[in-house]
Protein backbone atom coordinates (compact mmCIF):
# COMPACT_ATOMS: atom_id res chain seq x y z
CA MET A 1 -31.02 -29.67 61.10
CA ASN A 2 -34.37 -28.75 59.44
CA HIS A 3 -34.06 -24.27 58.61
CA SER A 4 -37.70 -24.22 56.66
CA HIS A 5 -39.22 -22.91 60.00
CA ILE A 6 -36.74 -19.84 59.47
CA PRO A 7 -38.37 -17.04 57.73
CA PHE A 8 -36.58 -15.65 54.73
CA LYS A 9 -37.35 -12.08 54.03
CA VAL A 10 -36.46 -11.18 50.08
CA ASP A 11 -37.19 -7.58 49.24
CA TRP A 12 -37.77 -7.16 45.35
CA SER A 13 -37.30 -4.01 43.81
CA THR A 14 -37.34 -3.05 39.77
CA ARG A 15 -36.73 -0.36 37.67
CA SER A 16 -36.45 -1.80 34.55
CA LYS A 17 -39.59 -1.55 31.78
CA LEU A 18 -39.59 -5.12 31.40
CA ARG A 19 -41.53 -7.23 34.37
CA GLY A 20 -39.43 -9.79 36.30
CA PRO A 21 -40.88 -12.37 38.17
CA GLY A 22 -41.65 -11.99 41.98
CA ASP A 23 -42.44 -13.58 45.13
CA ARG A 24 -45.20 -16.05 43.83
CA SER A 25 -42.80 -17.44 40.73
CA LEU A 26 -39.20 -17.50 42.66
CA GLY A 27 -40.00 -17.50 46.53
CA GLU A 28 -40.06 -21.40 46.37
CA LEU A 29 -36.66 -21.21 44.68
CA LEU A 30 -35.03 -19.13 46.59
CA ASN A 31 -35.59 -20.85 50.02
CA GLN A 32 -34.70 -24.13 48.64
CA LEU A 33 -31.68 -22.25 47.53
CA ARG A 34 -31.03 -21.16 50.91
CA ASP A 35 -31.57 -23.95 53.01
CA ARG A 36 -29.02 -25.96 51.19
CA PHE A 37 -26.49 -23.15 50.57
CA ALA A 38 -26.80 -20.57 53.18
CA PRO A 39 -29.41 -22.41 56.39
CA GLU A 40 -28.39 -19.11 58.45
CA ALA A 41 -29.13 -16.05 56.75
CA GLN A 42 -32.87 -14.58 56.80
CA GLY A 43 -32.73 -11.99 53.79
CA ILE A 44 -31.98 -11.29 50.68
CA SER A 45 -32.66 -8.22 47.70
CA ILE A 46 -33.59 -8.34 44.32
CA SER A 47 -33.73 -5.58 41.79
CA TYR A 48 -34.21 -5.78 38.45
CA VAL A 49 -32.74 -2.60 36.08
CA ASP A 50 -32.26 -1.83 32.57
CA ASP A 51 -28.99 -2.10 30.35
CA ARG A 52 -28.23 1.36 31.26
CA ILE A 53 -28.12 1.11 35.26
CA MET A 54 -26.40 -2.43 35.08
CA ARG A 55 -23.71 -1.12 33.06
CA ARG A 56 -22.95 2.02 35.58
CA LEU A 57 -22.61 -0.71 38.05
CA ASN A 58 -20.71 -2.98 35.98
CA ARG A 59 -18.18 0.10 35.36
CA GLU A 60 -18.08 1.20 38.88
CA HIS A 61 -17.75 -2.21 40.55
CA ARG A 62 -15.85 -4.50 38.28
CA GLY A 63 -14.04 -1.74 35.98
CA ILE A 64 -16.07 -3.10 32.80
CA ASN A 65 -17.94 -0.53 30.97
CA GLN A 66 -20.77 -2.71 29.29
CA THR A 67 -23.84 -4.65 30.72
CA THR A 68 -23.84 -8.03 32.12
CA ASP A 69 -26.63 -10.57 32.98
CA VAL A 70 -26.72 -10.97 36.41
CA LEU A 71 -24.28 -8.96 39.43
CA SER A 72 -24.42 -10.41 43.39
CA PHE A 73 -22.91 -7.99 46.43
CA PRO A 74 -22.54 -10.19 49.25
CA ALA A 75 -23.69 -8.64 52.60
CA GLU A 76 -20.72 -7.87 55.48
CA ALA A 77 -22.55 -7.60 58.37
CA GLU A 78 -21.56 -7.70 61.51
CA LYS A 79 -21.78 -9.88 64.44
CA GLY A 80 -25.13 -9.73 66.16
CA ALA A 81 -26.46 -8.36 63.29
CA PHE A 82 -29.74 -9.03 60.98
CA PRO A 83 -28.10 -12.36 58.52
CA HIS A 84 -28.93 -10.38 55.29
CA LEU A 85 -26.95 -12.43 52.59
CA GLY A 86 -26.33 -9.64 49.90
CA ASP A 87 -27.82 -8.64 47.07
CA LEU A 88 -28.94 -9.36 43.20
CA VAL A 89 -29.00 -7.21 40.66
CA VAL A 90 -30.73 -8.89 37.27
CA CYS A 91 -31.00 -6.91 34.01
CA LEU A 92 -33.66 -8.11 32.18
CA PRO A 93 -32.85 -6.74 28.82
CA VAL A 94 -29.79 -9.01 28.86
CA ALA A 95 -32.23 -11.90 29.96
CA GLU A 96 -34.59 -11.66 27.59
CA LYS A 97 -32.13 -11.77 25.35
CA MET A 98 -30.41 -14.27 26.29
CA ALA A 99 -34.35 -16.28 26.59
CA LYS A 100 -34.92 -15.82 23.10
CA LYS A 101 -31.65 -17.37 21.88
CA LEU A 102 -31.98 -20.38 24.10
CA GLY A 103 -35.89 -20.56 23.26
CA VAL A 104 -37.24 -20.42 26.89
CA SER A 105 -39.28 -17.86 28.66
CA ARG A 106 -37.77 -15.35 30.08
CA ARG A 107 -39.03 -16.69 33.58
CA ARG A 108 -36.76 -19.66 33.19
CA GLU A 109 -33.73 -17.56 32.17
CA VAL A 110 -34.09 -15.85 35.35
CA GLU A 111 -33.85 -18.39 37.23
CA THR A 112 -31.03 -19.67 36.41
CA LEU A 113 -29.53 -16.26 36.89
CA VAL A 114 -31.02 -15.85 40.27
CA ILE A 115 -29.47 -19.44 41.02
CA HIS A 116 -25.92 -18.55 39.46
CA GLY A 117 -26.32 -14.93 41.68
CA PHE A 118 -27.06 -17.08 44.57
CA LEU A 119 -24.32 -19.21 44.80
CA HIS A 120 -21.78 -15.86 44.21
CA LEU A 121 -23.15 -14.53 47.60
CA CYS A 122 -22.67 -17.95 49.03
CA GLY A 123 -19.05 -17.22 48.16
CA HIS A 124 -18.39 -19.58 45.11
CA ASP A 125 -16.55 -17.94 41.79
CA HIS A 126 -16.55 -19.65 38.84
CA GLU A 127 -13.83 -17.67 37.55
CA LYS A 128 -11.17 -18.79 40.19
CA ASP A 129 -12.36 -22.58 40.97
CA LYS A 130 -12.30 -25.71 38.55
CA GLY A 131 -15.78 -25.89 37.67
CA GLU A 132 -16.96 -26.36 40.96
CA MET A 133 -19.53 -23.46 40.93
CA MET A 134 -21.18 -24.81 37.55
CA LEU A 135 -21.67 -28.43 38.34
CA LEU A 136 -23.43 -26.86 41.65
CA GLN A 137 -25.79 -24.36 39.82
CA GLN A 138 -26.50 -27.42 37.30
CA GLN A 139 -27.34 -29.13 39.73
CA ALA A 140 -29.48 -27.19 42.08
CA GLU A 141 -31.63 -26.53 38.66
CA LYS A 142 -32.12 -30.35 38.24
CA ASP A 143 -33.11 -30.47 41.89
CA PHE A 144 -34.95 -27.09 42.43
CA LEU A 145 -36.57 -27.02 38.70
CA GLY A 146 -36.87 -30.18 37.83
CA VAL A 147 -35.63 -29.41 34.17
CA ASP A 148 -32.24 -29.84 32.16
CA PRO A 149 -29.74 -26.61 33.33
CA LEU A 150 -29.53 -23.88 30.70
CA GLN A 151 -26.16 -22.88 29.32
CA MET A 152 -24.07 -20.02 30.88
CA SER A 153 -21.60 -19.72 28.21
CA LEU A 154 -23.09 -18.54 25.11
CA LYS A 155 -21.23 -15.00 23.60
CA ARG A 156 -23.22 -12.21 24.24
CA GLY A 157 -20.43 -10.24 22.44
CA ARG A 158 -20.08 -6.37 21.69
CA LYS A 159 -22.44 -3.80 20.61
CA SER A 160 -21.23 -2.94 16.76
CA GLY A 161 -18.82 0.28 16.76
CA SER A 162 -17.75 -0.48 20.34
CA LYS A 163 -13.83 -0.55 21.24
CA VAL A 164 -11.40 -1.38 23.70
CA LYS A 165 -10.02 1.37 25.06
CA LYS A 166 -7.01 0.54 28.19
CA LEU A 167 -6.89 3.09 31.06
CA LYS A 168 -4.02 4.67 32.71
CA ASP A 169 -4.09 1.63 35.25
CA GLY A 170 -3.81 -0.75 32.86
CA SER A 171 -7.11 -1.94 32.93
CA ARG A 172 -9.49 -2.33 29.92
CA VAL A 173 -13.13 -1.33 29.29
CA VAL A 174 -15.54 -1.51 26.35
CA VAL A 175 -16.70 2.07 25.59
CA THR A 176 -19.24 2.94 22.11
CA GLY A 177 -20.70 6.31 20.89
CA ARG A 178 -17.96 9.32 20.99
CA ALA A 179 -15.25 7.53 22.69
CA ALA A 180 -15.16 4.66 20.51
CA GLN A 181 -15.23 7.22 17.25
CA ALA A 182 -12.37 8.82 18.88
CA ILE A 183 -10.26 5.80 19.10
CA VAL A 184 -10.66 5.17 15.45
CA GLN A 185 -9.79 9.01 14.79
CA LYS A 186 -6.17 8.27 16.82
CA GLU A 187 -5.85 5.07 15.41
CA LYS A 188 -6.25 6.72 11.27
CA ILE A 189 -3.98 9.62 12.19
CA LYS A 190 -0.96 6.91 13.78
CA LYS A 191 -1.07 5.34 10.44
CA ALA A 192 -0.89 7.88 7.96
CA LYS A 193 1.83 9.62 10.25
CA PRO A 194 5.02 9.38 7.61
CA VAL A 195 7.50 7.64 9.51
CA LYS A 196 10.78 9.26 9.62
CA ARG A 197 13.70 7.86 7.86
CA ALA A 198 17.08 7.13 9.42
CA THR A 199 19.56 9.95 7.90
CA LYS A 200 22.83 9.01 7.41
CA ALA A 201 26.14 10.54 9.55
CA LYS A 202 27.89 13.50 7.55
CA LYS A 203 31.69 12.46 7.29
CA VAL A 204 33.51 14.58 9.07
CA ASP A 205 36.97 16.35 7.37
CA PRO A 206 39.60 16.49 10.58
CA THR A 207 41.66 19.14 8.34
CA LYS A 208 38.62 21.59 7.95
CA PRO A 209 38.45 23.94 10.95
CA LYS A 210 34.69 22.81 13.20
CA ARG A 211 32.00 25.60 12.63
CA GLY A 212 30.24 26.88 16.16
CA PRO A 213 26.66 28.17 15.97
CA GLY A 214 25.50 31.51 14.22
CA ARG A 215 27.25 32.85 11.46
CA PRO A 216 30.15 31.28 9.53
CA ARG A 217 33.62 32.59 10.50
CA LYS A 218 36.18 34.34 8.14
CA VAL A 219 38.60 32.73 6.73
CA PRO A 220 41.75 34.39 6.87
CA THR A 221 43.62 35.32 3.58
CA GLU A 222 46.36 33.43 4.15
CA LEU A 223 43.77 30.10 4.47
CA LYS A 224 42.05 31.34 1.44
CA PRO A 225 42.89 29.57 -2.02
CA ALA A 226 44.45 31.32 -4.52
CA THR A 227 41.91 33.14 -7.20
CA ALA A 228 42.67 33.10 -10.96
CA ALA A 229 43.51 36.39 -11.91
CA LYS A 230 40.34 37.58 -13.98
CA ARG A 231 41.52 38.38 -17.98
CA VAL A 232 40.59 41.98 -18.94
CA VAL A 233 39.24 42.30 -22.46
CA ARG A 234 40.46 45.62 -24.05
CA ARG A 235 38.28 46.67 -26.94
CA LYS A 236 40.11 47.81 -29.55
CA ARG A 237 39.97 51.23 -31.02
CA PRO A 238 38.81 51.68 -34.69
CA ALA A 239 41.66 52.80 -37.12
CA PRO A 240 41.34 56.61 -38.21
CA ARG A 241 39.79 56.95 -41.50
CA PRO A 242 41.70 58.08 -43.89
CA ARG A 243 41.48 62.33 -45.16
CA SER A 244 40.19 63.26 -48.31
CA GLY A 245 42.09 65.82 -50.49
CA VAL A 246 39.34 68.63 -50.82
CA ILE A 247 40.16 71.31 -48.46
CA GLY A 248 36.92 73.36 -47.43
């Protein structure tokens, strides 16, 4: 069945300082993607954002506190409602960095991200399948763009000084700034804290009475060991001087 006559509405919005390709550049690609992978869909929205907004969305919806290239939000339209496919959010600063790494234009990188996000909207998930989604993406780039597919597995890495923080629910997030500094300080204090050595248990003499808390008990006199009598040293009295024979 030919679905080319069915209108496909694209809502564009931007909250980025950079400029992303619009309907004139991506309109034909989006219609081709709809015809092959989602023929019943009649609408989609694409938003361009900066790192700050993308990081917030990624943290709120995926629990990952860092920016990313593209996020997909499939629509859950009720029966009889407008067949909206979903929303794509593309981070243009990340697309710009990736384009420079690959030696292509920003528009070319965004095309790959749109294809990638579109497949997610259709229910594909490369984190759970056995490579089927990435094969579909590569074939779509060849068929619709007439060029070799771009890599999606380059390591973007974390920002210098960032740290991984473990939350109470067991999940992990990447933090920067003061939060990362607090983790570093906590690790330093933990390393500097002296390790308590295990004290040896004192041997208890069963013949001696046990002491209770508080003042030590007075030992009865009959139990006290005999003390040696103190030796009294008497000073010798000087001998009387002999009297002379003179009488006064």
